[in-house]
């Protein structure tokens, strides 16, 4: 467990490729979009980067996505070719008000954001459906972002998109969440001050989607050839389509046209994303597909302009409405760049966890320690709230997105009991959602043991059920989950030597969380009424086929 340095470097050399720190380059073993022959496959990221928006600045592409209650929030991804992406930062380190977001707020928090580059600064506008529209900005997207500014307060105002005109005037397009605002299916434009920090009027509705384009939301604002364009999804997350509105006047009236839907493909609800133009003048469209337990995965579609209307994807009948492509030639950006994707594995060799990890609420430094040179992540047996029934309201769950339809994750853990107060404490490997399951290690009067635990409908306050128990000889074990397509069926197994694994518990069908897919990761907790102490040292976390 604690023999690090040279041996561990040799073992992990095949996983990590030419990089250091939290933003290292990693070639995935479970999903690669770049086929290496000048073509790519969709999804370009088979992970839950929902509601994506992207821009190009020079030769660099940046993408953001919603993050809801998971923290840090507002992930920043970077690419050189629109196909290979790396997670480089988060714009939001803490959600306010902290008194609310220090506890898990499933489905709340950061909804669909919009990233723009203006006056040599990067801006992200994001909605909190319970508080309003916020803005954060920076000159360096990989560095620190300024604290959020509340641009437009109010409940149910969502999906902001800023627009700065040639005359210097600034506008903000938004949509509405019926759950908070009492209305939806509307696109509204507000005037902003030139700095983009405050709305200056009461707003004007420019499109009403009730009827044939119900649930229109997620507007993105562009201007081309004298037309103002609003790219907006309609029809709902799982079954909708991509709508385009255009007008010569920013306030309309707007013409409308559906430019992409599922067609004859298996890519349901293809919509909500970003128009990006390459250095060579090629237009492309990034969007998501809702894959249930896997979350909203990211697709890249070719695009062309026909009579000043965009056509997205493949249009075999030439009617101006495309359908998603599954494979296609890579964008022409004038160069070839290395294959990469957001990291999945983590050797815990630095002083910080990899960027793929998020907590289920604002983090506390007391939850973990990763001392530089130690070679492991230590999670402390932090006490749950005295009223906790299951893990639904437990904030100190360290989780990451599911990386592919099929994969296996394995971790090596040593569980340490202090002052012989083992009862009521445990650590383990978790598949988290509204239904969740985990494989935990703990200690009682008879010694160390492993348990599989399942909780159904956790949001409703149901209790956990122990489905299996095995005694082990020591405090160290290897824990594993094998996930199978098409619906993320999970089989847990364990090993005491790292070579021979034994299945434990029953097959478990993973389920999504609220507005996000299932997540996989690590935890270490204590009951509220036992003496403090105890921790788990995780040597590594690896994703493989």
Protein backbone atom coordinates (compact mmCIF):
# COMPACT_ATOMS: atom_id res chain seq x y z
CA UNK A 1 0.00 0.00 0.00
CA UNK A 2 2.68 2.47 0.92
CA UNK A 3 5.46 1.45 -1.47
CA UNK A 4 5.26 4.30 -3.92
CA UNK A 5 7.68 6.13 -6.22
CA UNK A 6 9.59 4.00 -8.74
CA UNK A 7 7.47 0.84 -8.77
CA UNK A 8 4.22 2.75 -8.91
CA UNK A 9 5.55 4.98 -11.68
CA UNK A 10 6.33 1.95 -13.79
CA UNK A 11 2.88 0.48 -13.20
CA UNK A 12 1.05 3.66 -14.08
CA UNK A 13 3.21 4.81 -16.95
CA UNK A 14 0.95 3.15 -19.48
CA UNK A 15 -2.06 5.09 -18.13
CA UNK A 16 -0.73 8.63 -18.05
CA UNK A 17 0.80 10.27 -21.10
CA UNK A 18 3.22 13.19 -20.95
CA UNK A 19 1.71 15.42 -18.31
CA UNK A 20 1.77 16.60 -14.74
CA UNK A 21 -0.60 17.63 -12.01
CA UNK A 22 -4.37 17.68 -12.11
CA UNK A 23 -4.65 18.48 -15.81
CA UNK A 24 -2.59 15.57 -17.15
CA UNK A 25 -3.37 14.07 -20.52
CA UNK A 26 -4.95 10.66 -20.32
CA UNK A 27 -5.79 8.24 -23.10
CA UNK A 28 -9.01 6.51 -22.14
CA UNK A 29 -9.29 2.74 -22.20
CA UNK A 30 -13.08 2.88 -22.31
CA UNK A 31 -14.15 5.59 -24.80
CA UNK A 32 -12.17 7.45 -27.46
CA UNK A 33 -13.94 9.62 -30.02
CA UNK A 34 -10.95 10.20 -32.30
CA UNK A 35 -10.61 7.14 -34.54
CA UNK A 36 -7.06 8.06 -35.50
CA UNK A 37 -7.74 8.04 -39.25
CA UNK A 38 -9.09 11.54 -39.74
CA UNK A 39 -12.59 10.66 -38.54
CA UNK A 40 -14.39 10.67 -35.19
CA UNK A 41 -17.35 8.96 -33.58
CA UNK A 42 -20.15 10.42 -31.50
CA UNK A 43 -20.47 11.05 -28.65
CA UNK A 44 -17.21 12.99 -28.61
CA UNK A 45 -17.46 12.82 -24.80
CA UNK A 46 -19.47 9.89 -23.46
CA UNK A 47 -19.94 11.52 -20.08
CA UNK A 48 -22.48 13.81 -18.43
CA UNK A 49 -21.30 17.25 -19.54
CA UNK A 50 -24.87 18.43 -19.94
CA UNK A 51 -26.13 21.61 -21.62
CA UNK A 52 -22.78 22.25 -23.35
CA UNK A 53 -21.79 25.63 -24.72
CA UNK A 54 -18.52 26.39 -26.51
CA UNK A 55 -16.49 29.12 -28.17
CA UNK A 56 -13.28 29.47 -30.14
CA UNK A 57 -10.64 32.02 -29.14
CA UNK A 58 -7.76 32.00 -31.62
CA UNK A 59 -6.72 28.38 -32.05
CA UNK A 60 -8.31 27.21 -28.79
CA UNK A 61 -11.79 25.92 -28.07
CA UNK A 62 -13.45 26.15 -24.66
CA UNK A 63 -16.55 24.34 -23.45
CA UNK A 64 -18.65 24.71 -20.32
CA UNK A 65 -21.56 22.68 -18.99
CA UNK A 66 -24.07 22.66 -16.17
CA UNK A 67 -22.99 21.15 -12.86
CA UNK A 68 -26.08 21.45 -10.61
CA UNK A 69 -25.18 20.67 -6.96
CA UNK A 70 -21.80 19.05 -7.73
CA UNK A 71 -18.75 21.05 -6.65
CA UNK A 72 -16.48 22.49 -7.82
CA UNK A 73 -18.89 23.68 -10.48
CA UNK A 74 -18.95 25.08 -14.00
CA UNK A 75 -16.35 22.75 -15.58
CA UNK A 76 -14.05 24.30 -18.18
CA UNK A 77 -12.92 21.99 -20.98
CA UNK A 78 -10.32 22.79 -23.64
CA UNK A 79 -9.73 21.43 -27.13
CA UNK A 80 -7.62 22.17 -30.17
CA UNK A 81 -9.79 20.31 -32.69
CA UNK A 82 -13.37 20.06 -31.28
CA UNK A 83 -13.03 16.27 -30.96
CA UNK A 84 -10.39 15.76 -28.27
CA UNK A 85 -11.24 17.53 -25.02
CA UNK A 86 -9.48 17.90 -21.69
CA UNK A 87 -10.95 19.15 -18.41
CA UNK A 88 -8.71 22.04 -17.31
CA UNK A 89 -10.54 23.94 -14.57
CA UNK A 90 -13.75 24.91 -12.80
CA UNK A 91 -15.03 28.47 -12.79
CA UNK A 92 -17.00 28.08 -9.56
CA UNK A 93 -15.27 26.87 -6.42
CA UNK A 94 -18.20 27.54 -4.08
CA UNK A 95 -21.92 28.02 -4.54
CA UNK A 96 -23.75 30.77 -2.73
CA UNK A 97 -25.64 31.07 -0.51
CA UNK A 98 -23.28 28.71 1.29
CA UNK A 99 -25.83 27.99 4.02
CA UNK A 100 -27.92 26.32 1.30
CA UNK A 101 -25.27 24.68 -0.86
CA UNK A 102 -23.13 23.30 1.96
CA UNK A 103 -25.67 20.48 1.84
CA UNK A 104 -26.62 18.51 -1.29
CA UNK A 105 -29.32 20.25 -3.31
CA UNK A 106 -30.04 17.62 -5.93
CA UNK A 107 -31.17 19.14 -9.23
CA UNK A 108 -30.55 22.70 -8.06
CA UNK A 109 -27.54 24.99 -8.41
CA UNK A 110 -25.83 25.58 -11.76
CA UNK A 111 -28.12 24.99 -14.74
CA UNK A 112 -27.27 25.58 -18.42
CA UNK A 113 -24.42 28.13 -18.75
CA UNK A 114 -23.16 30.21 -21.66
CA UNK A 115 -19.51 31.13 -22.31
CA UNK A 116 -18.45 34.15 -24.35
CA UNK A 117 -15.25 36.09 -25.09
CA UNK A 118 -15.62 39.88 -25.02
CA UNK A 119 -13.13 42.74 -24.55
CA UNK A 120 -10.29 40.25 -24.01
CA UNK A 121 -12.14 38.54 -21.15
CA UNK A 122 -13.96 35.25 -20.79
CA UNK A 123 -17.52 35.53 -19.45
CA UNK A 124 -19.77 32.75 -18.21
CA UNK A 125 -23.42 33.47 -17.51
CA UNK A 126 -25.19 30.74 -15.58
CA UNK A 127 -28.60 30.37 -13.98
CA UNK A 128 -29.51 29.28 -10.51
CA UNK A 129 -33.25 28.66 -10.96
CA UNK A 130 -33.93 29.62 -7.36
CA UNK A 131 -31.94 32.88 -7.29
CA UNK A 132 -31.39 34.26 -10.79
CA UNK A 133 -28.72 34.78 -13.44
CA UNK A 134 -25.08 35.06 -12.36
CA UNK A 135 -21.93 36.04 -14.25
CA UNK A 136 -18.30 35.10 -13.63
CA UNK A 137 -15.33 36.25 -15.70
CA UNK A 138 -11.57 35.96 -16.09
CA UNK A 139 -8.70 36.70 -18.47
CA UNK A 140 -7.33 33.18 -18.07
CA UNK A 141 -9.85 30.33 -18.25
CA UNK A 142 -7.34 27.92 -16.69
CA UNK A 143 -6.76 30.28 -13.74
CA UNK A 144 -8.92 31.94 -11.11
CA UNK A 145 -12.36 33.25 -12.00
CA UNK A 146 -13.87 36.27 -10.27
CA UNK A 147 -16.65 35.84 -7.74
CA UNK A 148 -20.16 35.55 -9.22
CA UNK A 149 -22.17 38.72 -9.86
CA UNK A 150 -25.95 38.50 -9.71
CA UNK A 151 -26.97 40.08 -13.02
CA UNK A 152 -30.69 39.34 -12.95
CA UNK A 153 -32.33 38.22 -9.70
CA UNK A 154 -35.50 36.15 -9.77
CA UNK A 155 -36.92 32.64 -9.56
CA UNK A 156 -37.26 30.47 -12.62
CA UNK A 157 -35.10 32.61 -14.94
CA UNK A 158 -32.79 30.17 -16.73
CA UNK A 159 -30.45 29.53 -19.66
CA UNK A 160 -28.88 32.97 -20.16
CA UNK A 161 -27.11 34.00 -23.37
CA UNK A 162 -25.38 37.40 -23.57
CA UNK A 163 -24.95 39.33 -26.80
CA UNK A 164 -22.87 42.44 -27.45
CA UNK A 165 -23.84 44.30 -30.62
CA UNK A 166 -21.57 46.17 -32.99
CA UNK A 167 -22.90 49.38 -31.48
CA UNK A 168 -21.69 48.38 -28.02
CA UNK A 169 -25.16 47.66 -26.69
CA UNK A 170 -25.52 44.53 -24.55
CA UNK A 171 -28.45 42.13 -24.29
CA UNK A 172 -29.31 38.98 -22.39
CA UNK A 173 -31.62 36.28 -23.74
CA UNK A 174 -33.20 33.92 -21.20
CA UNK A 175 -35.76 31.15 -20.89
CA UNK A 176 -38.12 30.22 -18.07
CA UNK A 177 -38.51 27.22 -15.77
CA UNK A 178 -42.17 26.54 -15.11
CA UNK A 179 -41.37 24.83 -11.79
CA UNK A 180 -40.29 28.19 -10.35
CA UNK A 181 -41.57 30.91 -12.66
CA UNK A 182 -45.06 29.55 -13.24
CA UNK A 183 -44.59 29.86 -17.03
CA UNK A 184 -42.27 28.37 -19.63
CA UNK A 185 -41.91 28.03 -23.43
CA UNK A 186 -40.89 31.70 -23.71
CA UNK A 187 -37.72 33.41 -24.92
CA UNK A 188 -37.15 36.85 -23.40
CA UNK A 189 -34.55 39.52 -24.13
CA UNK A 190 -33.31 41.97 -21.51
CA UNK A 191 -31.07 44.98 -22.01
CA UNK A 192 -27.81 44.97 -20.02
CA UNK A 193 -25.29 47.61 -19.16
CA UNK A 194 -22.18 47.61 -21.35
CA UNK A 195 -20.15 45.77 -18.71
CA UNK A 196 -22.63 42.90 -18.70
CA UNK A 197 -23.04 43.06 -14.93
CA UNK A 198 -26.66 44.19 -14.59
CA UNK A 199 -29.94 44.06 -16.50
CA UNK A 200 -31.36 47.53 -17.17
CA UNK A 201 -34.98 46.98 -18.26
CA UNK A 202 -38.02 44.78 -17.59
CA UNK A 203 -37.42 42.52 -20.58
CA UNK A 204 -39.32 41.78 -23.79
CA UNK A 205 -40.73 38.44 -24.89
CA UNK A 206 -39.59 37.76 -28.45
CA UNK A 207 -40.87 34.21 -28.98
CA UNK A 208 -43.72 32.11 -27.59
CA UNK A 209 -43.27 28.39 -28.15
CA UNK A 210 -46.55 27.19 -26.69
CA UNK A 211 -48.03 24.68 -29.07
CA UNK A 212 -45.70 23.23 -31.68
CA UNK A 213 -42.43 24.32 -30.03
CA UNK A 214 -43.31 23.80 -26.38
CA UNK A 215 -40.60 23.81 -23.72
CA UNK A 216 -38.37 26.04 -25.82
CA UNK A 217 -35.35 26.97 -23.70
CA UNK A 218 -31.54 27.18 -23.81
CA UNK A 219 -31.25 30.12 -26.24
CA UNK A 220 -27.89 30.97 -27.80
CA UNK A 221 -27.52 34.37 -29.51
CA UNK A 222 -25.55 34.96 -32.75
CA UNK A 223 -25.49 37.43 -35.64
CA UNK A 224 -24.62 36.67 -39.27
CA UNK A 225 -25.31 38.33 -42.63
CA UNK A 226 -27.57 40.90 -41.00
CA UNK A 227 -29.71 38.30 -39.19
CA UNK A 228 -29.99 37.84 -35.46
CA UNK A 229 -30.13 34.11 -34.72
CA UNK A 230 -31.41 32.37 -31.63
CA UNK A 231 -30.48 28.70 -31.50
CA UNK A 232 -32.88 27.07 -29.03
CA UNK A 233 -33.93 23.52 -28.16
CA UNK A 234 -37.62 22.69 -27.93
CA UNK A 235 -39.73 19.66 -27.14
CA UNK A 236 -38.04 18.53 -23.94
CA UNK A 237 -34.70 17.08 -22.92
CA UNK A 238 -35.16 13.46 -24.00
CA UNK A 239 -37.37 13.83 -27.07
CA UNK A 240 -36.91 17.34 -28.44
CA UNK A 241 -35.41 18.99 -31.52
CA UNK A 242 -33.21 21.93 -32.48
CA UNK A 243 -35.10 25.10 -33.44
CA UNK A 244 -33.62 28.17 -35.10
CA UNK A 245 -35.17 31.64 -34.86
CA UNK A 246 -33.97 34.48 -37.10
CA UNK A 247 -34.83 38.12 -37.57
CA UNK A 248 -33.34 41.33 -38.97
CA UNK A 249 -34.39 43.03 -35.72
CA UNK A 250 -33.16 41.85 -32.36
CA UNK A 251 -36.72 42.07 -30.96
CA UNK A 252 -38.29 40.26 -33.91
CA UNK A 253 -40.58 39.19 -35.30
CA UNK A 254 -38.62 35.95 -35.62
CA UNK A 255 -39.00 33.35 -38.34
CA UNK A 256 -38.68 29.77 -37.13
CA UNK A 257 -37.30 26.53 -38.56
CA UNK A 258 -36.52 23.09 -37.14
CA UNK A 259 -33.03 22.29 -38.40
CA UNK A 260 -32.27 18.98 -36.63
CA UNK A 261 -34.19 16.18 -34.98
CA UNK A 262 -33.68 12.49 -34.30
CA UNK A 263 -34.75 11.46 -37.78
CA UNK A 264 -34.02 7.79 -38.42
CA UNK A 265 -31.16 7.64 -35.92
CA UNK A 266 -31.02 6.36 -32.35
CA UNK A 267 -29.82 9.72 -31.05
CA UNK A 268 -32.84 10.94 -29.13
CA UNK A 269 -33.59 14.60 -28.40
CA UNK A 270 -30.59 16.07 -30.22
CA UNK A 271 -30.48 19.73 -29.22
CA UNK A 272 -29.14 22.44 -26.90
CA UNK A 273 -25.63 23.44 -27.65
CA UNK A 274 -23.28 25.76 -29.44
CA UNK A 275 -22.42 27.02 -32.91
CA UNK A 276 -18.64 27.11 -33.32
CA UNK A 277 -16.70 28.14 -36.41
CA UNK A 278 -13.18 26.82 -37.00
CA UNK A 279 -10.18 28.89 -38.02
CA UNK A 280 -10.75 27.62 -41.57
CA UNK A 281 -14.36 28.83 -41.66
CA UNK A 282 -16.18 25.52 -41.05
CA UNK A 283 -19.32 25.78 -38.88
CA UNK A 284 -19.96 22.98 -36.34
CA UNK A 285 -22.64 22.36 -33.73
CA UNK A 286 -22.07 20.83 -30.29
CA UNK A 287 -25.10 19.39 -28.49
CA UNK A 288 -26.14 16.75 -25.98
CA UNK A 289 -28.07 13.50 -26.04
CA UNK A 290 -29.91 12.39 -22.89
CA UNK A 291 -28.81 8.81 -22.16
CA UNK A 292 -30.59 8.39 -18.85
CA UNK A 293 -28.32 6.77 -16.30
CA UNK A 294 -25.24 7.91 -18.27
CA UNK A 295 -26.41 11.53 -18.23
CA UNK A 296 -26.35 13.97 -21.15
CA UNK A 297 -23.43 13.05 -23.37
CA UNK A 298 -21.78 15.40 -25.88
CA UNK A 299 -22.06 15.14 -29.68
CA UNK A 300 -20.42 17.11 -32.49
CA UNK A 301 -22.36 17.70 -35.72
CA UNK A 302 -21.22 19.13 -39.05
CA UNK A 303 -23.19 22.18 -40.14
CA UNK A 304 -23.71 24.24 -43.29
CA UNK A 305 -25.57 27.40 -44.21
CA UNK A 306 -28.29 27.19 -46.87
CA UNK A 307 -30.21 30.37 -47.71
CA UNK A 308 -29.10 31.86 -44.40
CA UNK A 309 -30.52 28.92 -42.46
CA UNK A 310 -28.25 26.43 -40.69
CA UNK A 311 -28.58 22.75 -41.56
CA UNK A 312 -27.18 20.55 -38.79
CA UNK A 313 -26.02 16.95 -39.23
CA UNK A 314 -26.83 14.75 -42.21
CA UNK A 315 -29.70 15.87 -44.50
CA UNK A 316 -30.27 12.98 -46.92
CA UNK A 317 -33.56 14.29 -48.35
CA UNK A 318 -32.28 17.89 -48.64
CA UNK A 319 -35.31 19.37 -46.85
CA UNK A 320 -33.17 21.60 -44.62
CA UNK A 321 -33.68 19.49 -41.51
CA UNK A 322 -30.76 17.28 -40.57
CA UNK A 323 -30.29 14.30 -38.30
CA UNK A 324 -27.27 13.40 -36.14
CA UNK A 325 -24.20 11.70 -37.58
CA UNK A 326 -22.54 8.85 -35.72
CA UNK A 327 -19.19 9.12 -37.52
CA UNK A 328 -17.74 11.90 -39.65
CA UNK A 329 -14.49 13.43 -40.82
CA UNK A 330 -12.83 15.58 -38.18
CA UNK A 331 -13.02 19.37 -38.39
CA UNK A 332 -10.45 21.06 -40.61
CA UNK A 333 -8.38 23.13 -38.21
CA UNK A 334 -5.15 23.09 -40.16
CA UNK A 335 -3.25 20.70 -37.87
CA UNK A 336 -3.42 17.32 -36.14
CA UNK A 337 -3.46 17.13 -32.35
CA UNK A 338 -3.04 14.25 -29.87
CA UNK A 339 -5.93 12.05 -28.78
CA UNK A 340 -7.22 12.96 -25.33
CA UNK A 341 -10.35 13.12 -23.20
CA UNK A 342 -11.29 14.11 -19.64
CA UNK A 343 -9.40 12.00 -17.11
CA UNK A 344 -11.05 8.97 -15.51
CA UNK A 345 -8.29 7.30 -13.50
CA UNK A 346 -6.35 8.87 -10.64
CA UNK A 347 -3.17 7.59 -9.01
CA UNK A 348 -3.43 10.17 -6.19
CA UNK A 349 0.28 10.95 -6.58
CA UNK A 350 0.08 14.74 -6.34
CA UNK A 351 -1.27 16.97 -3.57
CA UNK A 352 -4.71 17.33 -5.20
CA UNK A 353 -7.26 14.97 -6.67
CA UNK A 354 -7.77 14.92 -10.43
CA UNK A 355 -10.14 17.47 -11.88
CA UNK A 356 -12.73 14.83 -12.72
CA UNK A 357 -13.70 14.54 -9.06
CA UNK A 358 -16.55 16.53 -7.54
CA UNK A 359 -18.18 16.54 -4.13
CA UNK A 360 -21.97 16.45 -3.79
CA UNK A 361 -22.02 19.94 -2.19
CA UNK A 362 -19.65 22.75 -1.25
CA UNK A 363 -16.54 21.03 0.05
CA UNK A 364 -14.94 21.15 3.48
CA UNK A 365 -11.22 20.74 4.02
CA UNK A 366 -11.93 18.39 6.94
CA UNK A 367 -13.24 15.68 4.60
CA UNK A 368 -9.94 14.63 3.06
CA UNK A 369 -6.17 15.03 2.90
CA UNK A 370 -3.81 14.36 0.04
CA UNK A 371 -0.32 15.06 1.32
CA UNK A 372 2.23 15.60 -1.41
CA UNK A 373 4.53 12.60 -1.65
CA UNK A 374 2.22 10.23 0.22
CA UNK A 375 0.81 8.63 -2.91
CA UNK A 376 -2.70 8.16 -1.59
CA UNK A 377 -5.93 10.00 -0.95
CA UNK A 378 -7.08 9.91 2.66
CA UNK A 379 -10.80 10.28 3.32
CA UNK A 380 -11.75 10.80 6.93
CA UNK A 381 -14.71 9.08 8.56
CA UNK A 382 -16.68 12.31 8.69
CA UNK A 383 -19.95 12.10 10.66
CA UNK A 384 -23.24 12.17 8.85
CA UNK A 385 -26.05 14.43 10.01
CA UNK A 386 -27.87 12.93 12.99
CA UNK A 387 -31.06 12.77 10.92
CA UNK A 388 -29.45 11.05 7.93
CA UNK A 389 -31.31 7.93 6.81
CA UNK A 390 -29.20 7.16 3.75
CA UNK A 391 -26.55 8.87 1.58
CA UNK A 392 -28.92 11.19 -0.31
CA UNK A 393 -28.16 14.18 1.92
CA UNK A 394 -24.53 13.29 2.60
CA UNK A 395 -22.23 15.95 1.08
CA UNK A 396 -18.82 14.25 1.41
CA UNK A 397 -19.24 11.83 -1.48
CA UNK A 398 -16.29 12.14 -3.90
CA UNK A 399 -17.68 11.22 -7.30
CA UNK A 400 -17.11 11.44 -11.03
CA UNK A 401 -19.17 10.99 -14.18
CA UNK A 402 -19.66 7.61 -15.84
CA UNK A 403 -17.06 7.56 -18.66
CA UNK A 404 -18.52 5.07 -21.16
CA UNK A 405 -21.37 2.61 -21.77
CA UNK A 406 -19.23 -0.26 -20.45
CA UNK A 407 -16.29 0.00 -18.08
CA UNK A 408 -14.75 -1.33 -14.89
CA UNK A 409 -13.48 0.77 -11.99
CA UNK A 410 -11.17 -0.60 -9.33
CA UNK A 411 -9.66 0.97 -6.24
CA UNK A 412 -7.24 -0.18 -3.56
CA UNK A 413 -8.13 0.87 -0.04
CA UNK A 414 -6.72 0.51 3.45
CA UNK A 415 -9.22 1.19 6.22
CA UNK A 416 -7.83 2.48 9.52
CA UNK A 417 -9.73 2.36 12.80
CA UNK A 418 -8.62 4.74 15.54
CA UNK A 419 -9.13 4.17 19.28
CA UNK A 420 -10.81 0.90 18.35
CA UNK A 421 -13.99 2.77 17.49
CA UNK A 422 -14.81 0.89 14.33
CA UNK A 423 -18.52 0.49 14.81
CA UNK A 424 -20.62 2.96 12.84
CA UNK A 425 -17.84 3.84 10.37
CA UNK A 426 -17.15 2.62 6.86
CA UNK A 427 -15.55 3.48 3.55
CA UNK A 428 -16.03 2.20 0.07
CA UNK A 429 -16.72 2.30 -3.64
CA UNK A 430 -20.08 3.81 -4.58
CA UNK A 431 -22.42 3.96 -7.59
CA UNK A 432 -24.62 6.94 -6.71
CA UNK A 433 -28.07 7.89 -8.00
CA UNK A 434 -31.64 7.90 -6.79
CA UNK A 435 -31.09 4.17 -6.47
CA UNK A 436 -27.54 3.57 -5.28
CA UNK A 437 -25.29 0.73 -4.26
CA UNK A 438 -21.85 0.41 -2.73
CA UNK A 439 -19.20 -2.03 -1.55
CA UNK A 440 -17.81 -0.96 1.82
CA UNK A 441 -15.09 -1.99 4.21
CA UNK A 442 -15.60 -1.73 7.97
CA UNK A 443 -14.57 -3.34 11.25
CA UNK A 444 -16.51 -4.82 14.14
CA UNK A 445 -15.62 -6.96 17.18
CA UNK A 446 -14.88 -9.94 14.91
CA UNK A 447 -12.55 -8.08 12.57
CA UNK A 448 -12.70 -6.60 9.08
CA UNK A 449 -15.55 -7.20 6.68
CA UNK A 450 -16.94 -6.17 3.31
CA UNK A 451 -20.61 -5.42 2.70
CA UNK A 452 -22.67 -4.70 -0.38
CA UNK A 453 -25.47 -2.25 0.31
CA UNK A 454 -28.39 -1.13 -1.88
CA UNK A 455 -30.81 1.76 -1.41
CA UNK A 456 -33.84 2.19 -3.69
CA UNK A 457 -35.57 5.57 -4.12
CA UNK A 458 -33.10 7.30 -1.84
CA UNK A 459 -34.71 10.69 -2.48
CA UNK A 460 -37.82 9.44 -0.68
CA UNK A 461 -35.94 8.71 2.53
CA UNK A 462 -35.80 4.93 2.20
CA UNK A 463 -33.37 2.91 4.25
CA UNK A 464 -30.39 0.91 3.03
CA UNK A 465 -30.38 -2.87 2.70
CA UNK A 466 -27.28 -5.02 3.25
CA UNK A 467 -27.28 -7.62 0.45
CA UNK A 468 -24.07 -9.53 1.22
CA UNK A 469 -21.23 -9.74 3.72
CA UNK A 470 -17.75 -11.30 3.51
CA UNK A 471 -15.03 -11.46 6.13
CA UNK A 472 -11.51 -10.46 5.07
CA UNK A 473 -8.17 -11.07 6.75
CA UNK A 474 -6.81 -7.53 6.90
CA UNK A 475 -7.64 -3.85 6.67
CA UNK A 476 -6.68 -3.74 2.99
CA UNK A 477 -8.82 -4.70 0.00
CA UNK A 478 -9.35 -4.11 -3.69
CA UNK A 479 -12.89 -3.03 -4.57
CA UNK A 480 -14.34 -3.22 -8.07
CA UNK A 481 -17.49 -2.39 -10.05
CA UNK A 482 -18.04 -3.77 -13.56
CA UNK A 483 -20.62 -1.72 -15.50
CA UNK A 484 -22.40 -3.19 -18.56
CA UNK A 485 -24.41 -1.59 -21.37
CA UNK A 486 -27.02 -0.66 -22.29
CA UNK A 487 -28.43 0.34 -18.89
CA UNK A 488 -25.42 0.42 -16.55
CA UNK A 489 -25.86 -2.92 -14.80
CA UNK A 490 -23.32 -3.13 -11.98
CA UNK A 491 -21.56 -6.18 -10.57
CA UNK A 492 -19.39 -5.70 -7.48
CA UNK A 493 -16.32 -7.79 -6.70
CA UNK A 494 -13.38 -7.72 -4.31
CA UNK A 495 -9.90 -9.09 -3.88
CA UNK A 496 -7.43 -9.42 -1.04
CA UNK A 497 -4.38 -9.85 -3.27
CA UNK A 498 -5.24 -7.64 -6.24
CA UNK A 499 -5.23 -10.62 -8.60
CA UNK A 500 -8.09 -12.93 -7.74
CA UNK A 501 -11.49 -11.21 -7.55
CA UNK A 502 -14.69 -12.64 -6.06
CA UNK A 503 -18.17 -11.41 -6.95
CA UNK A 504 -20.12 -10.10 -3.97
CA UNK A 505 -23.76 -9.09 -3.69
CA UNK A 506 -26.40 -8.99 -6.41
CA UNK A 507 -26.38 -7.31 -9.80
CA UNK A 508 -27.51 -3.71 -9.42
CA UNK A 509 -29.18 -1.49 -12.03
CA UNK A 510 -27.73 2.01 -11.67
CA UNK A 511 -30.15 4.94 -11.82
CA UNK A 512 -29.68 8.64 -12.54
CA UNK A 513 -29.68 11.31 -9.89
CA UNK A 514 -31.91 14.39 -10.27
CA UNK A 515 -31.04 16.07 -13.62
CA UNK A 516 -27.69 14.28 -13.71
CA UNK A 517 -26.61 10.76 -14.57
CA UNK A 518 -25.35 8.28 -12.03
CA UNK A 519 -21.89 8.96 -10.63
CA UNK A 520 -19.21 6.61 -9.37
CA UNK A 521 -16.64 7.21 -6.68
CA UNK A 522 -15.46 6.99 -3.11
CA UNK A 523 -16.69 7.76 0.38
CA UNK A 524 -15.81 7.44 4.05
CA UNK A 525 -18.44 8.19 6.69
CA UNK A 526 -19.27 7.82 10.33
CA UNK A 527 -22.52 7.64 12.20
CA UNK A 528 -23.27 10.87 14.05
CA UNK A 529 -23.29 9.41 17.55
CA UNK A 530 -19.91 7.66 17.72
CA UNK A 531 -16.47 8.87 18.74
CA UNK A 532 -14.51 10.73 16.05
CA UNK A 533 -11.63 9.08 14.25
CA UNK A 534 -10.92 6.61 11.48
CA UNK A 535 -10.03 7.07 7.84
CA UNK A 536 -9.53 5.27 4.55
CA UNK A 537 -6.45 5.57 2.35
CA UNK A 538 -7.22 5.07 -1.33
CA UNK A 539 -4.08 4.14 -3.23
CA UNK A 540 -5.53 4.67 -6.70
CA UNK A 541 -8.73 4.66 -8.73
CA UNK A 542 -8.59 3.15 -12.25
CA UNK A 543 -11.06 2.90 -15.09
CA UNK A 544 -10.58 0.07 -17.57
CA UNK A 545 -12.58 -2.09 -19.95
